[in-house]
């Protein structure tokens, strides 16, 4: 079983090197100073991490590629702790590959 950190490192090894966040309904990359609308990006991979002992450990990781070629990850809590801004943005993003990297962790 992998930890959240190991899952992130696995995504990094697949060239998802930037950290994305959501600001003003846009996906932003502080590293590259780019911002993207949902139609400008694609979810290439997803991964889910579940910690049984602590609900704060439930996360979903998105491996995202922008039309500019920038690749990175966006992490959100899973379930009731999900960030509504991230959830709303992600609903509009096309998905290339769904949940090919699901990961479960027992803590």
Protein backbone atom coordinates (compact mmCIF):
# COMPACT_ATOMS: atom_id res chain seq x y z
CA UNK A 1 0.00 0.00 0.00
CA UNK A 2 1.23 3.48 -0.86
CA UNK A 3 1.12 6.61 1.23
CA UNK A 4 -0.15 9.90 -0.14
CA UNK A 5 3.44 11.06 -0.54
CA UNK A 6 4.35 7.94 -2.53
CA UNK A 7 1.33 8.48 -4.78
CA UNK A 8 2.38 12.07 -5.42
CA UNK A 9 5.92 10.93 -6.23
CA UNK A 10 4.54 8.35 -8.68
CA UNK A 11 2.66 11.13 -10.48
CA UNK A 12 5.80 13.31 -10.45
CA UNK A 13 7.73 10.46 -12.10
CA UNK A 14 5.16 10.56 -14.92
CA UNK A 15 6.01 14.24 -15.55
CA UNK A 16 3.16 15.80 -13.55
CA UNK A 17 5.70 18.12 -11.92
CA UNK A 18 3.75 21.30 -11.16
CA UNK A 19 1.30 21.94 -8.33
CA UNK A 20 -2.02 23.35 -9.47
CA UNK A 21 -4.63 25.17 -7.42
CA UNK A 22 -7.97 26.80 -8.12
CA UNK A 23 -8.32 30.58 -8.00
CA UNK A 24 -11.22 32.63 -9.38
CA UNK A 25 -12.65 29.55 -11.17
CA UNK A 26 -9.35 28.96 -12.98
CA UNK A 27 -6.70 26.28 -12.62
CA UNK A 28 -3.47 28.11 -11.79
CA UNK A 29 0.17 27.11 -11.81
CA UNK A 30 2.24 29.37 -9.55
CA UNK A 31 5.41 27.84 -11.02
CA UNK A 32 4.64 28.90 -14.59
CA UNK A 33 2.30 31.86 -13.90
CA UNK A 34 -0.32 30.27 -16.16
CA UNK A 35 -4.05 29.97 -15.59
CA UNK A 36 -6.48 27.73 -17.42
CA UNK A 37 -10.19 27.32 -17.99
CA UNK A 38 -11.66 23.79 -17.76
CA UNK A 39 -11.69 23.48 -21.55
CA UNK A 40 -7.93 24.24 -21.64
CA UNK A 41 -6.96 21.15 -19.63
CA UNK A 42 -7.48 17.39 -19.51
CA UNK A 43 -7.38 14.96 -16.62
CA UNK A 44 -4.86 12.31 -17.67
CA UNK A 45 -4.77 10.28 -14.46
CA UNK A 46 -6.47 10.08 -11.12
CA UNK A 47 -5.49 8.47 -7.87
CA UNK A 48 -7.32 8.05 -4.62
CA UNK A 49 -5.76 7.68 -1.19
CA UNK A 50 -7.86 6.47 1.72
CA UNK A 51 -6.64 6.50 5.30
CA UNK A 52 -8.98 4.40 7.42
CA UNK A 53 -8.09 5.96 10.75
CA UNK A 54 -8.48 9.63 9.82
CA UNK A 55 -11.04 11.17 7.43
CA UNK A 56 -8.56 13.98 6.71
CA UNK A 57 -6.41 11.37 4.95
CA UNK A 58 -8.98 10.79 2.19
CA UNK A 59 -7.68 12.53 -0.93
CA UNK A 60 -8.05 12.42 -4.67
CA UNK A 61 -5.16 13.36 -6.91
CA UNK A 62 -5.63 14.56 -10.47
CA UNK A 63 -2.82 14.37 -13.03
CA UNK A 64 -3.65 17.24 -15.38
CA UNK A 65 -2.20 18.32 -18.73
CA UNK A 66 -2.89 21.83 -20.03
CA UNK A 67 -3.12 22.71 -23.71
CA UNK A 68 0.18 24.60 -23.26
CA UNK A 69 1.88 21.32 -22.34
CA UNK A 70 2.17 22.16 -18.64
CA UNK A 71 1.57 19.06 -16.52
CA UNK A 72 0.85 18.99 -12.83
CA UNK A 73 -1.25 17.68 -10.01
CA UNK A 74 -4.28 19.00 -8.20
CA UNK A 75 -5.13 17.45 -4.85
CA UNK A 76 -8.50 17.61 -3.16
CA UNK A 77 -10.05 16.01 -0.13
CA UNK A 78 -12.42 13.20 -0.97
CA UNK A 79 -16.06 13.01 0.05
CA UNK A 80 -17.53 15.37 2.61
CA UNK A 81 -14.26 17.25 3.03
CA UNK A 82 -13.92 18.05 -0.69
CA UNK A 83 -13.29 21.66 -1.66
CA UNK A 84 -16.41 22.83 -3.53
CA UNK A 85 -14.35 25.16 -5.78
CA UNK A 86 -12.16 22.27 -6.92
CA UNK A 87 -15.15 19.95 -7.35
CA UNK A 88 -17.01 22.51 -9.48
CA UNK A 89 -13.97 23.11 -11.71
CA UNK A 90 -13.19 19.38 -12.13
CA UNK A 91 -16.77 18.60 -13.22
CA UNK A 92 -16.14 20.58 -16.41
CA UNK A 93 -12.74 19.09 -17.26
CA UNK A 94 -12.55 16.28 -19.84
CA UNK A 95 -11.12 12.99 -18.60
CA UNK A 96 -8.73 10.91 -20.71
CA UNK A 97 -8.28 8.06 -18.27
CA UNK A 98 -10.46 7.49 -15.23
CA UNK A 99 -9.10 6.16 -11.95
CA UNK A 100 -6.24 4.13 -13.40
CA UNK A 101 -4.15 4.70 -10.30
CA UNK A 102 -6.48 4.08 -7.39
CA UNK A 103 -4.54 3.62 -4.21
CA UNK A 104 -5.82 2.52 -0.83
CA UNK A 105 -3.90 3.02 2.36
CA UNK A 106 -4.76 1.65 5.76
CA UNK A 107 -3.41 3.88 8.49
